Amino acid sequence: MSARLNYFQQSPELAKKFLEFSNVLQTSAIEQGIRDLVNIRASQLNGCAFCLDMHVKEAKIHAERDRPMVCPTTSTTAFARSCPTRSCRT
């Protein structure tokens, strides 16, 4: 297993800008639940299991418990095409 990429070493300016953007987004008019769902979908599309797990846990903390949020794969796999909630299809 390889080590995770250190974004601040790889691209410090871009990582700093991303954190600034994330901080501004926290005070925006976009509801927390919507931001959580966008983060989950972005992690699905990026194929990052670590981020997907983290964002699902955050969404559950923010009361997204009852809504089906995520299937464990992206829409390119056979499992996603058979997803019962259809949330993996785009």
C-alpha atoms as a PDB file:
ATOM      1  CA  MET A   1       0.000   0.000   0.000  1.00  0.00           C
ATOM      2  CA  SER A   2       1.402   3.375  -0.959  1.00  0.00           C
ATOM      3  CA  ALA A   3       1.359   6.440   1.259  1.00  0.00           C
ATOM      4  CA  ARG A   4      -1.331   9.042   0.731  1.00  0.00           C
ATOM      5  CA  LEU A   5      -0.350  12.120  -1.240  1.00  0.00           C
ATOM      6  CA  ASN A   6       0.622  15.117   0.880  1.00  0.00           C
ATOM      7  CA  TYR A   7      -1.146  17.958  -0.926  1.00  0.00           C
ATOM      8  CA  PHE A   8       0.694  20.658   0.995  1.00  0.00           C
ATOM      9  CA  GLN A   9       4.054  19.259  -0.093  1.00  0.00           C
ATOM     10  CA  GLN A  10       2.960  18.560  -3.656  1.00  0.00           C
ATOM     11  CA  SER A  11       1.216  21.865  -4.349  1.00  0.00           C
ATOM     12  CA  PRO A  12       1.252  24.226  -1.357  1.00  0.00           C
ATOM     13  CA  GLU A  13      -0.391  27.189  -3.108  1.00  0.00           C
ATOM     14  CA  LEU A  14      -3.239  25.117  -4.494  1.00  0.00           C
ATOM     15  CA  ALA A  15      -3.797  23.365  -1.143  1.00  0.00           C
ATOM     16  CA  LYS A  16      -3.886  26.739   0.611  1.00  0.00           C
ATOM     17  CA  LYS A  17      -6.426  28.102  -1.895  1.00  0.00           C
ATOM     18  CA  PHE A  18      -8.578  24.991  -1.482  1.00  0.00           C
ATOM     19  CA  LEU A  19      -8.637  25.439   2.304  1.00  0.00           C
ATOM     20  CA  GLU A  20      -9.531  29.110   1.909  1.00  0.00           C
ATOM     21  CA  PHE A  21     -12.374  28.154  -0.445  1.00  0.00           C
ATOM     22  CA  SER A  22     -13.601  25.483   1.984  1.00  0.00           C
ATOM     23  CA  ASN A  23     -13.636  27.980   4.838  1.00  0.00           C
ATOM     24  CA  VAL A  24     -15.621  30.525   2.808  1.00  0.00           C
ATOM     25  CA  LEU A  25     -18.055  27.819   1.738  1.00  0.00           C
ATOM     26  CA  GLN A  26     -18.838  27.075   5.398  1.00  0.00           C
ATOM     27  CA  THR A  27     -20.379  30.538   5.750  1.00  0.00           C
ATOM     28  CA  SER A  28     -22.255  30.470   2.433  1.00  0.00           C
ATOM     29  CA  ALA A  29     -26.014  30.220   1.900  1.00  0.00           C
ATOM     30  CA  ILE A  30     -25.688  26.627   0.675  1.00  0.00           C
ATOM     31  CA  GLU A  31     -27.199  24.252   3.244  1.00  0.00           C
ATOM     32  CA  GLN A  32     -24.868  21.897   5.091  1.00  0.00           C
ATOM     33  CA  GLY A  33     -26.777  18.840   3.860  1.00  0.00           C
ATOM     34  CA  ILE A  34     -26.297  19.878   0.234  1.00  0.00           C
ATOM     35  CA  ARG A  35     -22.583  20.505   0.801  1.00  0.00           C
ATOM     36  CA  ASP A  36     -22.274  17.056   2.381  1.00  0.00           C
ATOM     37  CA  LEU A  37     -23.980  15.373  -0.564  1.00  0.00           C
ATOM     38  CA  VAL A  38     -21.758  17.237  -3.042  1.00  0.00           C
ATOM     39  CA  ASN A  39     -18.659  16.136  -1.113  1.00  0.00           C
ATOM     40  CA  ILE A  40     -19.885  12.541  -1.161  1.00  0.00           C
ATOM     41  CA  ARG A  41     -20.532  12.600  -4.899  1.00  0.00           C
ATOM     42  CA  ALA A  42     -17.168  14.211  -5.631  1.00  0.00           C
ATOM     43  CA  SER A  43     -15.456  11.464  -3.635  1.00  0.00           C
ATOM     44  CA  GLN A  44     -17.398   8.843  -5.592  1.00  0.00           C
ATOM     45  CA  LEU A  45     -16.320  10.367  -8.885  1.00  0.00           C
ATOM     46  CA  ASN A  46     -12.707  10.641  -7.717  1.00  0.00           C
ATOM     47  CA  GLY A  47     -12.765   7.027  -6.581  1.00  0.00           C
ATOM     48  CA  CYS A  48     -11.303   7.907  -3.194  1.00  0.00           C
ATOM     49  CA  ALA A  49     -12.554   5.432  -0.576  1.00  0.00           C
ATOM     50  CA  PHE A  50     -10.862   7.345   2.255  1.00  0.00           C
ATOM     51  CA  CYS A  51     -12.596  10.632   1.371  1.00  0.00           C
ATOM     52  CA  LEU A  52     -15.893   8.883   0.656  1.00  0.00           C
ATOM     53  CA  ASP A  53     -15.861   7.269   4.085  1.00  0.00           C
ATOM     54  CA  MET A  54     -14.946  10.558   5.749  1.00  0.00           C
ATOM     55  CA  HIS A  55     -17.681  12.553   3.980  1.00  0.00           C
ATOM     56  CA  VAL A  56     -20.369   9.927   4.681  1.00  0.00           C
ATOM     57  CA  LYS A  57     -19.448  10.047   8.370  1.00  0.00           C
ATOM     58  CA  GLU A  58     -19.582  13.852   8.329  1.00  0.00           C
ATOM     59  CA  ALA A  59     -22.992  13.787   6.652  1.00  0.00           C
ATOM     60  CA  LYS A  60     -24.311  11.422   9.302  1.00  0.00           C
ATOM     61  CA  ILE A  61     -23.086  13.792  11.995  1.00  0.00           C
ATOM     62  CA  HIS A  62     -24.953  16.606  10.217  1.00  0.00           C
ATOM     63  CA  ALA A  63     -28.244  14.627  10.393  1.00  0.00           C
ATOM     64  CA  GLU A  64     -28.293  13.065   6.922  1.00  0.00           C
ATOM     65  CA  ARG A  65     -29.130   9.718   8.552  1.00  0.00           C
ATOM     66  CA  ASP A  66     -32.407   8.804   6.888  1.00  0.00           C
ATOM     67  CA  ARG A  67     -31.697   9.688   3.277  1.00  0.00           C
ATOM     68  CA  PRO A  68     -29.951   7.056   1.155  1.00  0.00           C
ATOM     69  CA  MET A  69     -26.674   8.823   0.456  1.00  0.00           C
ATOM     70  CA  VAL A  70     -24.212   6.579  -1.195  1.00  0.00           C
ATOM     71  CA  CYS A  71     -23.492   3.253  -2.778  1.00  0.00           C
ATOM     72  CA  PRO A  72     -19.948   1.944  -2.380  1.00  0.00           C
ATOM     73  CA  THR A  73     -19.058   2.313  -6.054  1.00  0.00           C
ATOM     74  CA  THR A  74     -19.304   4.769  -8.903  1.00  0.00           C
ATOM     75  CA  SER A  75     -21.655   4.549 -11.862  1.00  0.00           C
ATOM     76  CA  THR A  76     -19.090   2.834 -14.066  1.00  0.00           C
ATOM     77  CA  THR A  77     -19.356  -0.546 -12.366  1.00  0.00           C
ATOM     78  CA  ALA A  78     -21.898  -3.334 -12.745  1.00  0.00           C
ATOM     79  CA  PHE A  79     -22.774  -3.031  -9.051  1.00  0.00           C
ATOM     80  CA  ALA A  80     -23.672   0.631  -9.446  1.00  0.00           C
ATOM     81  CA  ARG A  81     -25.891  -0.112 -12.434  1.00  0.00           C
ATOM     82  CA  SER A  82     -27.873  -2.495 -10.232  1.00  0.00           C
ATOM     83  CA  CYS A  83     -27.956  -0.147  -7.232  1.00  0.00           C
ATOM     84  CA  PRO A  84     -31.401  -0.375  -5.595  1.00  0.00           C
ATOM     85  CA  THR A  85     -31.470   3.314  -4.620  1.00  0.00           C
ATOM     86  CA  ARG A  86     -30.326   4.487  -8.073  1.00  0.00           C
ATOM     87  CA  SER A  87     -28.184   7.099  -6.282  1.00  0.00           C
ATOM     88  CA  CYS A  88     -25.058   5.857  -8.060  1.00  0.00           C
ATOM     89  CA  ARG A  89     -26.392   6.563 -11.507  1.00  0.00           C
ATOM     90  CA  THR A  90     -25.690   9.864 -13.181  1.00  0.00           C
END
